[in-house]
Protein backbone atom coordinates (compact mmCIF):
# COMPACT_ATOMS: atom_id res chain seq x y z
CA MET A 1 60.18 93.24 -28.40
CA LEU A 2 59.16 96.45 -27.10
CA GLY A 3 57.95 98.72 -23.68
CA ARG A 4 54.63 97.41 -24.38
CA SER A 5 54.20 95.98 -21.02
CA LEU A 6 54.62 99.03 -19.00
CA VAL A 7 51.73 100.32 -21.52
CA ALA A 8 49.40 97.61 -20.33
CA LEU A 9 49.77 98.31 -16.57
CA ALA A 10 49.36 102.06 -17.24
CA SER A 11 46.22 101.39 -19.13
CA VAL A 12 44.92 99.40 -16.00
CA LEU A 13 45.91 101.62 -13.38
CA VAL A 14 45.45 105.21 -15.08
CA LEU A 15 41.82 104.35 -15.15
CA ALA A 16 41.97 104.78 -11.02
CA VAL A 17 44.37 107.29 -10.94
CA THR A 18 41.77 110.45 -10.93
CA GLY A 19 39.16 108.69 -8.83
CA THR A 20 36.64 108.40 -11.52
CA ALA A 21 36.64 104.83 -12.80
CA TRP A 22 36.50 102.54 -9.79
CA ARG A 23 33.95 100.53 -11.02
CA THR A 24 35.49 99.90 -14.59
CA ILE A 25 38.89 99.01 -12.74
CA ASP A 26 37.08 96.48 -10.63
CA THR A 27 35.17 95.14 -13.90
CA LEU A 28 38.57 95.11 -15.81
CA THR A 29 40.56 93.05 -12.96
CA SER A 30 38.13 90.60 -12.64
CA GLN A 31 38.24 89.62 -16.37
CA LEU A 32 41.84 89.87 -16.68
CA ALA A 33 44.01 86.39 -17.46
CA THR A 34 45.79 85.56 -14.38
CA THR A 35 48.86 83.04 -13.63
CA SER A 36 49.18 81.77 -10.20
CA ALA A 37 51.95 79.58 -9.87
CA LEU A 38 54.92 82.47 -9.75
CA ASP A 39 57.18 82.67 -6.75
CA LEU A 40 56.77 85.98 -5.81
CA GLY A 41 57.29 88.89 -2.90
CA PRO A 42 57.22 90.33 -1.03
CA SER A 43 58.65 89.98 2.50
CA MET A 44 55.90 92.06 4.29
CA SER A 45 56.64 94.51 6.85
CA GLY A 46 54.64 95.51 10.16
CA ASP A 47 53.15 98.72 8.57
CA GLY A 48 50.23 97.44 6.89
CA GLY A 49 51.65 95.41 4.15
CA ALA A 50 53.83 97.69 2.44
CA PRO A 51 56.90 95.67 1.11
CA ALA A 52 59.94 95.51 3.64
CA ASP A 53 62.54 96.85 1.03
CA GLY A 54 60.63 99.76 0.58
CA ALA A 55 59.14 99.31 -2.90
CA THR A 56 56.63 97.25 -5.14
CA ASP A 57 58.56 95.74 -7.38
CA ILE A 58 56.53 94.85 -10.91
CA LEU A 59 58.13 92.56 -13.70
CA LEU A 60 56.72 93.68 -16.72
CA VAL A 61 57.35 91.34 -20.14
CA GLY A 62 56.87 91.69 -23.29
CA THR A 63 56.60 88.25 -25.54
CA ASP A 64 56.81 87.27 -29.21
CA SER A 65 53.26 85.44 -28.59
CA ARG A 66 51.08 84.83 -31.62
CA ALA A 67 48.33 84.47 -29.18
CA ASP A 68 46.08 86.13 -27.41
CA ALA A 69 46.16 86.20 -23.43
CA GLN A 70 43.87 83.53 -23.14
CA GLY A 71 45.84 81.36 -25.76
CA ASN A 72 43.85 82.03 -28.68
CA PRO A 73 45.85 81.99 -31.70
CA LEU A 74 45.78 85.06 -33.77
CA SER A 75 43.72 85.38 -36.90
CA PRO A 76 45.48 85.81 -40.35
CA ASP A 77 44.53 89.32 -40.45
CA GLU A 78 45.89 90.23 -37.09
CA LEU A 79 49.28 88.39 -37.83
CA ALA A 80 49.49 90.53 -40.89
CA LEU A 81 48.94 93.84 -38.70
CA LEU A 82 51.37 92.96 -36.96
CA ARG A 83 54.31 92.72 -39.74
CA ALA A 84 56.16 90.28 -37.64
CA GLY A 85 55.69 87.19 -39.28
CA ASP A 86 53.91 84.15 -38.32
CA VAL A 87 56.83 82.35 -36.46
CA ALA A 88 56.05 82.08 -33.14
CA THR A 89 58.65 82.37 -30.48
CA THR A 90 59.19 82.33 -26.91
CA ASN A 91 61.85 85.00 -26.27
CA THR A 92 60.99 87.95 -24.03
CA ASP A 93 62.88 90.64 -26.11
CA THR A 94 61.31 93.15 -23.45
CA ILE A 95 62.11 93.22 -19.90
CA ILE A 96 61.08 96.02 -17.56
CA LEU A 97 61.36 95.95 -13.72
CA VAL A 98 59.52 98.90 -12.45
CA ARG A 99 59.91 100.08 -8.51
CA VAL A 100 57.08 101.81 -6.81
CA PRO A 101 58.33 103.60 -3.52
CA ASN A 102 55.90 102.53 -1.05
CA ASP A 103 54.62 106.16 -0.72
CA GLY A 104 53.22 105.88 -4.42
CA SER A 105 55.05 109.26 -5.06
CA SER A 106 57.06 108.18 -8.10
CA ALA A 107 57.62 105.45 -10.26
CA THR A 108 60.85 104.22 -12.71
CA ALA A 109 60.91 101.67 -15.14
CA VAL A 110 64.47 100.37 -15.81
CA SER A 111 64.72 98.59 -19.08
CA ILE A 112 66.91 95.30 -19.19
CA PRO A 113 68.59 94.80 -22.85
CA ARG A 114 67.59 91.70 -23.81
CA ASP A 115 70.97 90.50 -24.96
CA SER A 116 72.32 90.98 -21.62
CA PHE A 117 74.66 88.30 -20.61
CA VAL A 118 73.37 87.04 -16.86
CA ASP A 119 73.65 84.18 -14.77
CA VAL A 120 70.29 82.28 -15.44
CA PRO A 121 69.54 79.75 -12.40
CA GLY A 122 69.54 76.28 -13.52
CA GLN A 123 70.60 77.00 -16.78
CA GLY A 124 74.16 78.87 -16.51
CA ARG A 125 75.33 82.22 -18.33
CA LYS A 126 72.96 83.01 -21.31
CA LYS A 127 71.20 85.83 -22.82
CA ILE A 128 68.34 86.93 -20.36
CA ASN A 129 65.51 86.73 -23.19
CA GLY A 130 66.03 83.08 -23.64
CA ALA A 131 65.52 81.99 -19.98
CA TYR A 132 61.66 82.16 -20.19
CA GLY A 133 61.82 79.79 -23.43
CA THR A 134 64.41 77.47 -22.17
CA ALA A 135 62.76 76.71 -19.27
CA LYS A 136 59.36 76.31 -21.07
CA ALA A 137 60.52 73.90 -23.37
CA GLN A 138 62.46 71.94 -20.57
CA ARG A 139 59.52 71.33 -18.66
CA ALA A 140 57.29 70.71 -21.63
CA ASP A 141 59.88 67.93 -22.85
CA GLU A 142 59.77 66.66 -19.11
CA LEU A 143 55.59 66.18 -18.96
CA VAL A 144 55.56 64.94 -22.28
CA ARG A 145 58.25 62.36 -21.73
CA GLN A 146 55.79 61.39 -18.47
CA GLY A 147 52.72 60.98 -20.93
CA THR A 148 51.29 64.77 -20.94
CA ASN A 149 50.08 65.37 -24.32
CA GLN A 150 51.36 68.95 -26.05
CA VAL A 151 48.20 70.98 -25.23
CA ASP A 152 47.93 70.03 -21.39
CA ALA A 153 51.48 70.87 -20.92
CA GLU A 154 51.19 74.22 -22.57
CA ALA A 155 49.88 75.56 -19.37
CA PRO A 156 52.26 74.28 -17.10
CA SER A 157 55.50 74.32 -19.14
CA THR A 158 54.66 78.37 -19.84
CA GLU A 159 54.30 79.11 -15.67
CA ALA A 160 57.86 77.60 -15.60
CA GLY A 161 59.12 80.01 -18.08
CA ARG A 162 57.76 82.39 -16.25
CA THR A 163 59.36 81.26 -12.96
CA ALA A 164 62.52 81.10 -14.21
CA LEU A 165 62.68 84.72 -15.67
CA VAL A 166 61.57 86.39 -12.53
CA ALA A 167 64.08 84.36 -10.65
CA THR A 168 66.80 85.56 -13.15
CA VAL A 169 65.88 89.23 -12.65
CA GLN A 170 65.89 88.99 -9.09
CA GLU A 171 69.18 87.35 -9.04
CA LEU A 172 70.67 90.11 -11.56
CA THR A 173 68.86 93.17 -10.02
CA GLY A 174 69.03 91.91 -6.13
CA VAL A 175 65.03 92.96 -6.06
CA THR A 176 62.41 90.44 -4.98
CA VAL A 177 59.75 90.99 -7.76
CA ASP A 178 56.41 91.52 -5.85
CA HIS A 179 54.08 91.02 -9.14
CA TYR A 180 54.37 90.17 -12.92
CA ALA A 181 52.43 91.14 -15.73
CA GLU A 182 52.93 89.83 -19.37
CA ILE A 183 51.76 91.07 -23.06
CA GLY A 184 52.30 89.84 -26.35
CA LEU A 185 52.18 91.87 -29.76
CA LEU A 186 48.76 92.29 -30.53
CA GLY A 187 48.25 94.07 -27.34
CA PHE A 188 50.58 96.78 -28.16
CA VAL A 189 48.55 97.75 -31.05
CA LEU A 190 45.32 97.43 -29.47
CA LEU A 191 46.59 99.75 -26.92
CA THR A 192 48.10 102.14 -28.96
CA ASP A 193 44.91 102.48 -31.04
CA ALA A 194 42.80 102.54 -28.14
CA VAL A 195 44.29 106.21 -27.31
CA ASP A 196 44.20 107.03 -30.79
CA GLY A 197 47.81 106.96 -31.56
CA VAL A 198 50.54 108.36 -30.06
CA PRO A 199 52.88 111.19 -30.77
CA VAL A 200 56.76 110.52 -31.44
CA CYS A 201 59.72 112.73 -32.77
CA LEU A 202 62.78 111.27 -35.23
CA ALA A 203 65.75 113.37 -35.47
CA ALA A 204 66.15 111.89 -38.89
CA ALA A 205 64.30 109.74 -41.68
CA THR A 206 64.64 105.97 -40.95
CA SER A 207 63.74 103.08 -42.46
CA ASP A 208 64.01 99.24 -41.80
CA PRO A 209 62.47 96.79 -44.00
CA PHE A 210 62.80 93.90 -41.41
CA SER A 211 60.65 95.70 -38.51
CA GLY A 212 58.39 97.59 -41.24
CA ALA A 213 59.79 100.99 -40.31
CA ASP A 214 59.49 103.68 -42.64
CA PHE A 215 59.33 107.28 -41.18
CA PRO A 216 60.03 110.92 -42.07
CA ALA A 217 62.01 113.24 -39.59
CA GLY A 218 59.84 115.44 -37.07
CA VAL A 219 57.26 115.01 -34.85
CA GLN A 220 54.48 112.37 -35.97
CA THR A 221 51.60 110.56 -34.63
CA LEU A 222 51.82 106.75 -35.21
CA SER A 223 48.91 103.89 -34.83
CA GLY A 224 49.22 100.61 -33.65
CA ALA A 225 50.76 98.86 -36.69
CA ASP A 226 53.14 101.62 -37.18
CA ALA A 227 54.11 102.32 -33.29
CA LEU A 228 54.94 98.49 -33.39
CA SER A 229 57.24 99.14 -36.19
CA PHE A 230 59.04 102.18 -34.60
CA VAL A 231 59.76 100.61 -31.37
CA ARG A 232 60.96 97.45 -33.05
CA GLN A 233 63.21 98.78 -35.42
CA ARG A 234 66.91 97.70 -34.83
CA LYS A 235 68.61 97.80 -38.05
CA ASN A 236 70.25 101.01 -39.04
CA LEU A 237 70.17 102.63 -35.33
CA PRO A 238 73.82 103.54 -34.35
CA ARG A 239 73.88 101.47 -31.18
CA GLY A 240 71.60 98.72 -31.98
CA ASP A 241 69.53 97.56 -29.26
CA LEU A 242 70.47 100.22 -27.04
CA ASP A 243 68.92 102.66 -29.34
CA ARG A 244 65.93 100.84 -29.63
CA ILE A 245 65.47 100.77 -25.83
CA THR A 246 65.45 104.45 -25.73
CA ARG A 247 62.75 104.52 -28.22
CA GLN A 248 60.62 102.53 -26.24
CA GLN A 249 61.50 104.53 -23.30
CA VAL A 250 60.39 108.03 -25.01
CA PHE A 251 57.32 106.26 -26.52
CA MET A 252 56.07 104.86 -23.09
CA ALA A 253 56.76 108.34 -21.78
CA SER A 254 54.40 110.12 -24.83
CA LEU A 255 51.89 107.29 -24.42
CA ALA A 256 51.40 107.56 -20.62
CA LYS A 257 50.98 111.40 -21.09
CA LYS A 258 48.38 110.63 -23.83
CA VAL A 259 46.75 107.88 -21.24
CA LEU A 260 46.66 110.81 -18.43
CA SER A 261 45.43 113.44 -20.42
CA ALA A 262 41.91 114.51 -19.65
CA GLY A 263 40.31 113.67 -22.83
CA THR A 264 41.32 109.88 -22.83
CA LEU A 265 40.32 109.56 -18.97
CA THR A 266 36.69 111.35 -19.71
CA SER A 267 36.12 109.39 -23.01
CA PRO A 268 33.89 106.17 -22.51
CA GLY A 269 34.80 104.99 -25.76
CA ALA A 270 38.53 105.00 -25.20
CA LEU A 271 38.03 103.47 -21.85
CA GLY A 272 36.34 100.92 -23.36
CA GLN A 273 38.81 100.30 -26.10
CA LEU A 274 41.62 100.24 -23.30
CA SER A 275 39.54 97.86 -21.22
CA ALA A 276 39.05 95.67 -24.15
CA ALA A 277 42.55 95.59 -25.19
CA VAL A 278 43.92 94.86 -21.62
CA GLN A 279 41.46 92.04 -21.16
CA ARG A 280 42.20 90.54 -24.59
CA SER A 281 46.08 90.54 -24.20
CA VAL A 282 47.41 91.28 -20.48
CA VAL A 283 48.05 88.34 -17.99
CA ILE A 284 49.13 89.42 -14.57
CA ASP A 285 49.77 87.61 -11.49
CA SER A 286 46.51 86.17 -9.70
CA GLY A 287 47.89 88.02 -6.29
CA TRP A 288 47.85 91.49 -7.49
CA ASP A 289 45.25 93.86 -5.65
CA VAL A 290 45.25 96.08 -8.69
CA VAL A 291 42.48 98.30 -7.23
CA GLY A 292 44.52 98.73 -3.73
CA PHE A 293 47.81 99.09 -5.75
CA ALA A 294 45.91 102.04 -7.89
CA THR A 295 44.97 103.80 -4.38
CA GLN A 296 48.74 103.69 -3.70
CA LEU A 297 49.15 105.55 -6.58
CA ALA A 298 46.12 108.08 -6.57
CA GLY A 299 48.67 111.00 -6.03
CA LEU A 300 51.08 109.78 -9.18
CA ALA A 301 51.52 112.70 -11.37
CA GLY A 302 52.52 111.62 -15.06
CA GLY A 303 56.10 113.37 -14.53
CA ALA A 304 56.77 111.32 -11.59
CA VAL A 305 56.85 108.35 -13.78
CA THR A 306 60.59 108.09 -15.49
CA PHE A 307 62.45 105.49 -17.53
CA GLN A 308 66.21 104.44 -17.02
CA THR A 309 68.30 101.48 -18.44
CA ILE A 310 70.45 99.60 -16.04
CA PRO A 311 74.34 100.14 -16.53
CA VAL A 312 76.01 98.63 -19.26
CA ALA A 313 79.39 97.43 -18.74
CA ASN A 314 79.94 96.56 -22.94
CA PRO A 315 76.94 96.67 -25.34
CA ASP A 316 79.22 95.11 -28.26
CA ALA A 317 80.54 92.26 -25.98
CA THR A 318 81.00 88.63 -27.50
CA SER A 319 80.16 85.49 -25.68
CA PRO A 320 82.58 82.12 -25.21
CA ASP A 321 80.15 80.91 -28.04
CA GLY A 322 80.79 84.05 -30.56
CA SER A 323 77.49 85.43 -30.27
CA SER A 324 76.67 88.94 -29.54
CA ILE A 325 75.93 89.89 -25.98
CA VAL A 326 75.46 92.96 -23.59
CA GLU A 327 77.94 92.37 -20.77
CA VAL A 328 76.49 93.67 -17.24
CA ASP A 329 77.99 93.87 -13.95
CA PRO A 330 75.57 92.49 -11.21
CA ASP A 331 77.03 94.61 -8.71
CA ALA A 332 76.64 97.74 -10.55
CA VAL A 333 72.96 96.78 -11.22
CA ARG A 334 72.46 96.45 -7.81
CA ALA A 335 73.84 99.15 -6.59
CA PHE A 336 71.80 100.96 -9.19
CA THR A 337 68.24 99.55 -8.42
CA SER A 338 68.85 100.13 -4.96
CA GLY A 339 69.57 103.80 -5.29
CA LEU A 340 66.40 104.15 -7.34
CA LEU A 341 64.62 104.69 -3.92
CA ALA A 342 65.02 108.38 -2.88
CA GLY A 343 64.98 109.13 0.69
CA PRO A 344 66.12 111.69 2.88
CA GLY A 345 69.36 112.00 5.30
CA GLY A 346 72.04 110.62 3.15
CA ASN A 347 70.19 107.42 1.81
CA PRO A 348 70.31 106.76 -1.98
CA ALA A 349 68.65 109.14 -3.91
CA ALA A 350 66.88 108.80 -7.55
CA ALA A 351 67.58 111.17 -10.17
CA PRO A 352 64.87 113.59 -10.39
CA ALA A 353 62.83 113.48 -13.48
CA GLY A 354 63.79 116.19 -15.99
CA THR A 355 67.19 116.69 -14.74
CA ASP A 356 69.48 118.05 -17.04
CA PRO A 357 73.25 116.75 -16.27
CA SER A 358 74.93 119.45 -18.24
CA THR A 359 73.87 121.97 -15.51
CA THR A 360 75.81 120.07 -12.91
CA THR A 361 79.67 120.11 -12.80
CA VAL A 362 81.17 117.24 -11.02
CA ASP A 363 84.66 117.44 -8.90
CA VAL A 364 85.92 113.72 -8.11
CA SER A 365 88.08 113.01 -5.27
CA ASN A 366 89.79 109.57 -4.88
CA ALA A 367 89.79 108.84 -1.20
CA SER A 368 89.92 105.08 -2.06
CA GLY A 369 93.78 104.58 -2.48
CA THR A 370 93.20 102.92 -5.69
CA SER A 371 95.16 104.55 -8.29
CA GLY A 372 93.43 105.99 -11.39
CA LEU A 373 89.67 105.58 -9.86
CA ALA A 374 89.02 109.07 -9.72
CA ALA A 375 89.84 109.63 -13.80
CA ARG A 376 87.91 106.87 -14.52
CA VAL A 377 84.59 107.69 -12.59
CA ALA A 378 85.26 111.32 -13.89
CA GLU A 379 85.06 109.81 -17.74
CA THR A 380 81.80 108.04 -16.70
CA LEU A 381 80.47 111.11 -15.71
CA SER A 382 81.40 113.33 -18.81
CA ALA A 383 80.21 110.63 -20.77
CA ALA A 384 76.68 110.94 -19.36
CA GLY A 385 76.72 114.39 -19.79
CA PHE A 386 77.68 116.00 -16.63
CA GLY A 387 80.13 118.94 -16.45
CA SER A 388 83.94 117.95 -16.14
CA GLY A 389 85.51 119.52 -13.10
CA SER A 390 88.45 118.70 -10.68
CA VAL A 391 89.83 115.28 -10.54
CA GLY A 392 92.39 114.62 -7.83
CA ASN A 393 92.96 112.85 -4.31
CA ALA A 394 91.73 113.49 -1.19
CA SER A 395 92.23 111.92 2.60
CA SER A 396 91.74 108.01 2.71
CA SER A 397 87.73 107.33 3.51
CA SER A 398 85.87 104.37 3.70
CA THR A 399 82.48 105.93 2.69
CA SER A 400 81.77 106.90 -0.64
CA SER A 401 79.15 109.94 -1.42
CA VAL A 402 78.26 112.84 -3.20
CA LEU A 403 78.40 116.24 -1.50
CA ALA A 404 76.22 118.72 -2.40
CA PRO A 405 75.18 122.31 -1.58
CA SER A 406 71.91 120.75 -0.19
CA PRO A 407 70.70 117.50 1.03
CA ASP A 408 67.92 117.73 -1.87
CA ASP A 409 70.18 118.95 -4.83
CA ALA A 410 68.62 117.95 -7.99
CA GLY A 411 71.99 117.70 -9.57
CA ALA A 412 73.56 116.01 -7.04
CA ALA A 413 71.12 113.37 -7.03
CA ALA A 414 71.58 112.58 -10.48
CA VAL A 415 75.42 112.23 -10.10
CA ALA A 416 74.30 109.60 -7.22
CA ALA A 417 71.79 107.85 -9.57
CA GLN A 418 74.47 107.46 -12.28
CA LEU A 419 77.29 106.15 -9.90
CA GLY A 420 74.47 103.25 -8.54
CA GLY A 421 72.97 105.26 -5.82
CA LEU A 422 75.53 106.91 -3.58
CA PRO A 423 74.22 108.80 -0.80
CA VAL A 424 74.06 112.53 -0.94
CA ARG A 425 75.39 114.45 1.98
CA GLN A 426 75.05 118.41 2.45
CA ASP A 427 78.27 120.19 2.43
CA ASP A 428 78.14 124.14 2.45
CA GLY A 429 81.50 124.46 0.69
CA VAL A 430 80.03 123.15 -2.59
CA GLN A 431 78.75 125.45 -4.89
CA ARG A 432 75.55 125.81 -6.32
CA GLY A 433 75.52 124.03 -9.47
CA THR A 434 78.29 121.90 -8.51
CA ALA A 435 78.67 118.27 -6.99
CA ARG A 436 81.74 117.02 -5.33
CA VAL A 437 82.34 113.19 -5.59
CA VAL A 438 84.41 111.57 -2.56
CA LEU A 439 84.99 107.86 -3.86
CA GLY A 440 85.70 105.68 -0.57
CA SER A 441 87.23 102.27 -0.50
CA ASP A 442 83.62 100.79 -0.53
CA TYR A 443 82.90 102.23 -4.07
CA SER A 444 82.07 99.33 -6.27
CA GLY A 445 79.87 101.46 -9.11
CA PRO A 446 80.86 102.23 -12.55
CA GLY A 447 84.54 102.74 -13.14
CA SER A 448 85.89 100.70 -10.22
CA ALA A 449 88.51 97.96 -10.27
CA GLY A 450 85.92 95.40 -9.51
CA SER A 451 83.70 96.94 -12.15
CA THR A 452 83.89 97.67 -16.12
CA ALA A 453 80.25 99.15 -16.25
CA THR A 454 79.70 102.61 -17.27
CA ALA A 455 76.56 104.66 -16.10
CA ALA A 456 73.79 103.57 -18.41
CA PRO A 457 72.90 106.68 -20.62
CA ALA A 458 69.61 108.16 -18.93
CA VAL A 459 67.46 109.64 -21.42
CA GLN A 460 66.82 113.15 -21.94
CA ALA A 461 64.37 115.24 -24.41
CA ALA A 462 66.67 116.99 -27.28
CA PRO A 463 66.05 118.55 -30.50
CA VAL A 464 68.54 116.36 -32.66
CA GLU A 465 70.28 114.65 -30.57
CA PRO A 466 69.81 110.97 -28.83
CA PRO A 467 68.50 110.83 -25.57
CA ALA A 468 71.04 111.01 -22.22
CA ALA A 469 68.92 111.99 -19.10
CA PRO A 470 65.77 109.89 -17.13
CA VAL A 471 62.55 110.31 -19.74
CA ALA A 472 59.40 111.72 -17.92
CA ALA A 473 56.08 111.20 -18.95
CA THR A 474 55.95 115.16 -19.11
CA GLY A 475 56.26 117.60 -22.29
CA GLY A 476 56.46 116.98 -25.98
CA PRO A 477 57.74 114.20 -27.51
CA THR A 478 61.53 113.41 -27.32
CA CYS A 479 63.34 113.27 -30.45
CA VAL A 480 65.28 110.10 -30.95
CA SER A 481 67.32 108.58 -33.52
């Protein structure tokens, strides 16, 4: 129900980032619970084992499990600490895809809303958070009918659930999942307490009896149980689950900064608590060489870890059976995820961490021949916080792009990322602080006729407003609703 799975990854990998705890990492990973039945990538290139699509892609899953990583039920005291009731479910209410380029220079954690209405292989269209549980239940029923008892059916049915979720995320994003990590409710509490709490900031006081949230306005440091309530709250938030995702993202950014701090990395007690928490609560795929992956990330700074959300077409849609859903456009989602890998020479660029969209004015030119396209795209960018420039038509073009005063212009890269990963090209006629979007006949991103999607608001630090640009693991805690 939160972004606790990225926290688990950070607690495993960050120990090695400074190059000071290799023995700890080696011991830790040898004792982690693993899963071995998943159909994971990558299709390897010929450059020493780097994924051929340019990134290592990790699926991080938070479950509502009332058991630990070894399958042992939580104690009554532990269940009480969670404030989440004792009714076990199989929902995966937190689903995060992390893209790490092969050069290890950055990492982007992309949240997928739990109510996203998607195609689930073998199950039809449904909310993505039910893919795991449905597949698990179907496999368990099949095994029991064949004579397997419930206890022995647990492990293979759980693997079926994980496999179904991996396939669903791959279908939605167009990304090959290379590694898998899963954590339950208790793990989040243990990991947060291992770093002696995490600072957060609320723009206003808030409460929610369902999650146990009851917090004043302002900056405050939350322990594991209170932190769990903070990131689980969905009631009394203006945008419901989307605001909860924003909370998860700013919390993860603050936690990543705390874990990366010298005080944590040089404290034997903190390292011991982190190791114990990970061993108790995390499951990873058996083929993951975590030490090797940590080596790849050795130069990664906290500010190069950012958190975003997939493009959302309609957060308040209704399914055919009348349930509340989040409507998403797979084409826009795939364009967005492919655009997260920065590259030179006009390749799709990711928005740099900390980019403030209000500092970039965007002109939009319609060269597609589709009436009204420029106006719709301009509205999308305005809603994301960019300055509004001119909107008009241009000579017909088959190629869409973002023109900028330089190919590495941060504002243009942010615009390109919001529109699903358009290429950025230099144009000496574009003034500094301005970007020009040219919409060709190939454009299929937010605002296009084939997509009702609007660019998902990214998250940005603000004193009293909900975030609106990518969250980075630097600076003070971002204030949220």
